[in-house]
Amino acid sequence: MFWQIFIWLIFAASLGELVYLLYLAWASAHVPKLVLNDVVHFLYPVDLELLASLLDPACDFELRWRLSPRQYREQQRRRLRIYRELLLRMSHNSAVLAEFDNAVRGYSTLIAGPGSRLQESAVKVRIYCACSRIRLRLWLLLPAYMLGVLPELRLARLRTAASLDGLEAYGELKTAAAEAFTQLNPTEINALTHNL
């Protein structure tokens, strides 16, 4: 009796999985195609000057020198949160560009192929952002007084993660995106590089 119920449960689960897979196949055929001109509207702006100032060790030293320990800890926690937001935007933008790259490559010869410079740059940025976000999350879990005591909890140490320089990797992504989407008109290319 037990085995019959068990076999029917396996059969029902398999049938449910098959129905789900058929639904996914049907739904993917009815998804609207991505249009190259829309890539600009999906990007979140990243202020590279703010990013560079957050990662500047001189700025951190100036804050430590100018502020009281309590004010410095509050300021450092605020800067960590801002940097986390910038990392989320960078990661989102690299995913959007990779998705548009894949969509465009499917029906055009616009981009060279799976090993395109845009894909490689997007992967580098995603790896950098993931590693930095893990470290940031751990730092933000620490009590506030630890941010002023431990020297290894400085934002300048997050400039490199996973052997990647974050500013250089994102700069490469901007350059690769401008080169990859050359079919856009000049105003859209300017908007693309501005939003990145």
Protein backbone atom coordinates (compact mmCIF):
# COMPACT_ATOMS: atom_id res chain seq x y z
CA MET A 1 0.00 0.00 0.00
CA PHE A 2 2.81 2.37 0.93
CA TRP A 3 4.67 1.72 -2.33
CA GLN A 4 1.60 2.36 -4.43
CA ILE A 5 1.07 5.74 -2.79
CA PHE A 6 4.77 6.52 -3.15
CA ILE A 7 4.76 5.64 -6.86
CA TRP A 8 1.64 7.77 -7.46
CA LEU A 9 3.27 10.70 -5.64
CA ILE A 10 6.35 10.41 -7.87
CA PHE A 11 4.12 10.23 -10.94
CA ALA A 12 2.09 13.26 -9.83
CA ALA A 13 5.25 15.28 -9.08
CA SER A 14 6.69 14.38 -12.49
CA LEU A 15 3.46 15.35 -14.21
CA GLY A 16 3.36 18.65 -12.31
CA GLU A 17 6.97 19.36 -13.28
CA LEU A 18 6.19 18.63 -16.93
CA VAL A 19 3.22 21.00 -16.87
CA TYR A 20 5.39 23.68 -15.28
CA LEU A 21 8.13 23.27 -17.91
CA LEU A 22 5.57 23.47 -20.70
CA TYR A 23 4.18 26.66 -19.15
CA LEU A 24 7.69 28.17 -19.00
CA ALA A 25 8.28 27.30 -22.66
CA TRP A 26 4.95 28.85 -23.62
CA ALA A 27 5.56 31.98 -21.52
CA SER A 28 9.07 32.52 -22.92
CA ALA A 29 7.66 32.53 -26.46
CA HIS A 30 5.23 35.31 -25.51
CA VAL A 31 7.75 37.60 -23.81
CA PRO A 32 8.26 40.81 -25.78
CA LYS A 33 11.65 41.10 -27.45
CA LEU A 34 14.18 43.54 -26.04
CA VAL A 35 14.74 46.56 -28.23
CA LEU A 36 18.23 47.97 -28.42
CA ASN A 37 17.03 51.57 -28.07
CA ASP A 38 15.52 50.75 -24.66
CA VAL A 39 18.82 49.82 -23.00
CA VAL A 40 19.29 53.37 -21.69
CA HIS A 41 15.97 53.32 -19.82
CA PHE A 42 16.89 50.22 -17.80
CA LEU A 43 20.16 51.56 -16.39
CA TYR A 44 20.61 53.18 -12.98
CA PRO A 45 23.00 56.15 -12.87
CA VAL A 46 26.26 55.59 -10.99
CA ASP A 47 28.16 58.67 -9.84
CA LEU A 48 31.78 57.73 -10.50
CA GLU A 49 33.11 60.80 -8.70
CA LEU A 50 31.23 59.80 -5.55
CA LEU A 51 32.45 56.24 -5.97
CA ALA A 52 36.07 57.41 -6.26
CA SER A 53 35.72 59.72 -3.25
CA LEU A 54 34.29 56.91 -1.11
CA LEU A 55 37.25 54.69 -1.99
CA ASP A 56 39.85 57.43 -1.48
CA PRO A 57 42.05 56.73 1.58
CA ALA A 58 42.82 60.45 1.95
CA CYS A 59 39.13 61.23 2.39
CA ASP A 60 38.88 58.57 5.09
CA PHE A 61 41.95 59.98 6.83
CA GLU A 62 40.52 63.50 6.67
CA LEU A 63 37.25 62.36 8.22
CA ARG A 64 39.09 60.54 10.99
CA TRP A 65 41.18 63.63 11.67
CA ARG A 66 38.34 66.16 11.51
CA LEU A 67 35.50 64.36 13.34
CA SER A 68 35.10 63.03 16.84
CA PRO A 69 35.21 59.21 17.15
CA ARG A 70 31.43 58.96 17.46
CA GLN A 71 30.80 61.26 14.48
CA TYR A 72 33.40 59.35 12.48
CA ARG A 73 31.65 56.03 13.17
CA GLU A 74 28.29 57.49 12.12
CA GLN A 75 29.82 58.99 8.99
CA GLN A 76 31.61 55.74 8.17
CA ARG A 77 28.39 53.71 8.50
CA ARG A 78 26.62 56.22 6.22
CA ARG A 79 29.43 55.95 3.67
CA LEU A 80 29.23 52.14 3.81
CA ARG A 81 25.51 52.26 3.03
CA ILE A 82 26.04 54.67 0.14
CA TYR A 83 28.76 52.43 -1.25
CA ARG A 84 26.48 49.41 -0.94
CA GLU A 85 23.84 51.25 -2.99
CA LEU A 86 26.41 52.11 -5.66
CA LEU A 87 27.49 48.46 -5.80
CA LEU A 88 23.88 47.40 -6.29
CA ARG A 89 23.53 49.86 -9.17
CA MET A 90 26.79 48.71 -10.76
CA SER A 91 25.73 45.09 -10.53
CA HIS A 92 22.29 45.87 -11.95
CA ASN A 93 23.75 47.81 -14.86
CA SER A 94 26.18 45.04 -15.74
CA ALA A 95 23.34 42.48 -15.69
CA VAL A 96 21.18 44.70 -17.92
CA LEU A 97 23.98 45.21 -20.42
CA ALA A 98 24.74 41.48 -20.50
CA GLU A 99 21.04 40.71 -21.05
CA PHE A 100 20.78 43.21 -23.91
CA ASP A 101 24.01 41.83 -25.32
CA ASN A 102 22.53 38.33 -25.34
CA ALA A 103 19.26 39.53 -26.86
CA VAL A 104 20.95 41.53 -29.59
CA ARG A 105 23.38 38.75 -30.43
CA GLY A 106 20.43 36.43 -30.98
CA TYR A 107 19.14 38.26 -34.05
CA SER A 108 21.98 40.51 -35.18
CA THR A 109 25.70 40.55 -35.82
CA LEU A 110 26.13 43.65 -33.70
CA ILE A 111 28.33 42.01 -31.10
CA ALA A 112 31.15 39.59 -31.72
CA GLY A 113 30.00 36.55 -29.78
CA PRO A 114 29.85 34.84 -26.41
CA GLY A 115 33.33 36.03 -25.51
CA SER A 116 32.57 39.64 -26.36
CA ARG A 117 34.33 42.39 -24.47
CA LEU A 118 31.01 43.58 -23.05
CA GLN A 119 30.22 40.13 -21.61
CA GLU A 120 33.68 39.83 -20.06
CA SER A 121 33.47 43.30 -18.54
CA ALA A 122 29.99 42.60 -17.17
CA VAL A 123 31.20 39.39 -15.55
CA LYS A 124 34.15 41.20 -13.94
CA VAL A 125 31.88 43.90 -12.53
CA ARG A 126 29.41 41.32 -11.20
CA ILE A 127 32.20 39.36 -9.48
CA TYR A 128 33.67 42.52 -7.96
CA CYS A 129 30.25 43.69 -6.74
CA ALA A 130 29.35 40.32 -5.24
CA CYS A 131 32.62 40.03 -3.30
CA SER A 132 32.47 43.64 -2.10
CA ARG A 133 28.83 43.34 -1.05
CA ILE A 134 29.62 40.27 1.06
CA ARG A 135 32.37 42.15 2.87
CA LEU A 136 30.14 45.21 3.30
CA ARG A 137 27.31 43.13 4.68
CA LEU A 138 29.65 41.64 7.27
CA TRP A 139 31.00 45.05 8.18
CA LEU A 140 27.51 46.49 8.61
CA LEU A 141 26.62 43.65 10.97
CA LEU A 142 29.40 44.69 13.34
CA PRO A 143 28.63 47.06 16.19
CA ALA A 144 29.21 50.74 15.40
CA TYR A 145 32.22 51.12 17.72
CA MET A 146 34.15 48.53 15.67
CA LEU A 147 34.10 50.81 12.60
CA GLY A 148 36.34 53.33 14.33
CA VAL A 149 38.66 50.83 15.99
CA LEU A 150 39.63 48.32 13.32
CA PRO A 151 41.81 49.77 10.54
CA GLU A 152 40.85 47.01 8.10
CA LEU A 153 37.26 48.31 8.05
CA ARG A 154 38.08 51.22 5.78
CA LEU A 155 36.30 51.70 2.47
CA ALA A 156 39.59 52.19 0.64
CA ARG A 157 40.26 48.48 1.20
CA LEU A 158 37.22 47.68 -0.93
CA ARG A 159 38.71 49.21 -4.06
CA THR A 160 39.99 45.75 -4.93
CA ALA A 161 38.01 42.59 -4.37
CA ALA A 162 38.58 39.19 -5.95
CA SER A 163 41.78 40.60 -7.52
CA LEU A 164 39.69 43.15 -9.45
CA ASP A 165 39.89 46.92 -9.18
CA GLY A 166 36.28 48.08 -9.01
CA LEU A 167 36.78 51.48 -10.64
CA GLU A 168 38.83 50.01 -13.50
CA ALA A 169 36.35 47.16 -14.07
CA TYR A 170 33.42 49.57 -14.24
CA GLY A 171 35.37 51.89 -16.54
CA GLU A 172 36.01 48.94 -18.86
CA LEU A 173 32.29 48.15 -18.79
CA LYS A 174 31.43 51.72 -19.82
CA THR A 175 33.92 51.61 -22.68
CA ALA A 176 32.75 48.18 -23.83
CA ALA A 177 29.10 49.28 -23.73
CA ALA A 178 29.82 52.37 -25.82
CA GLU A 179 31.68 50.21 -28.36
CA ALA A 180 29.10 47.43 -28.39
CA PHE A 181 26.05 49.60 -28.93
CA THR A 182 27.41 51.66 -31.81
CA GLN A 183 24.13 51.37 -33.70
CA LEU A 184 22.48 53.73 -31.25
CA ASN A 185 22.29 57.34 -32.33
CA PRO A 186 24.83 59.73 -30.72
CA THR A 187 22.40 61.18 -28.19
CA GLU A 188 21.47 57.69 -26.97
CA ILE A 189 25.15 56.71 -26.70
CA ASN A 190 25.76 59.84 -24.62
CA ALA A 191 22.78 58.96 -22.43
CA LEU A 192 24.07 55.38 -22.14
CA THR A 193 27.52 56.43 -20.97
CA HIS A 194 26.01 59.12 -18.71
CA ASN A 195 23.66 56.61 -17.02
CA LEU A 196 26.48 54.16 -16.53
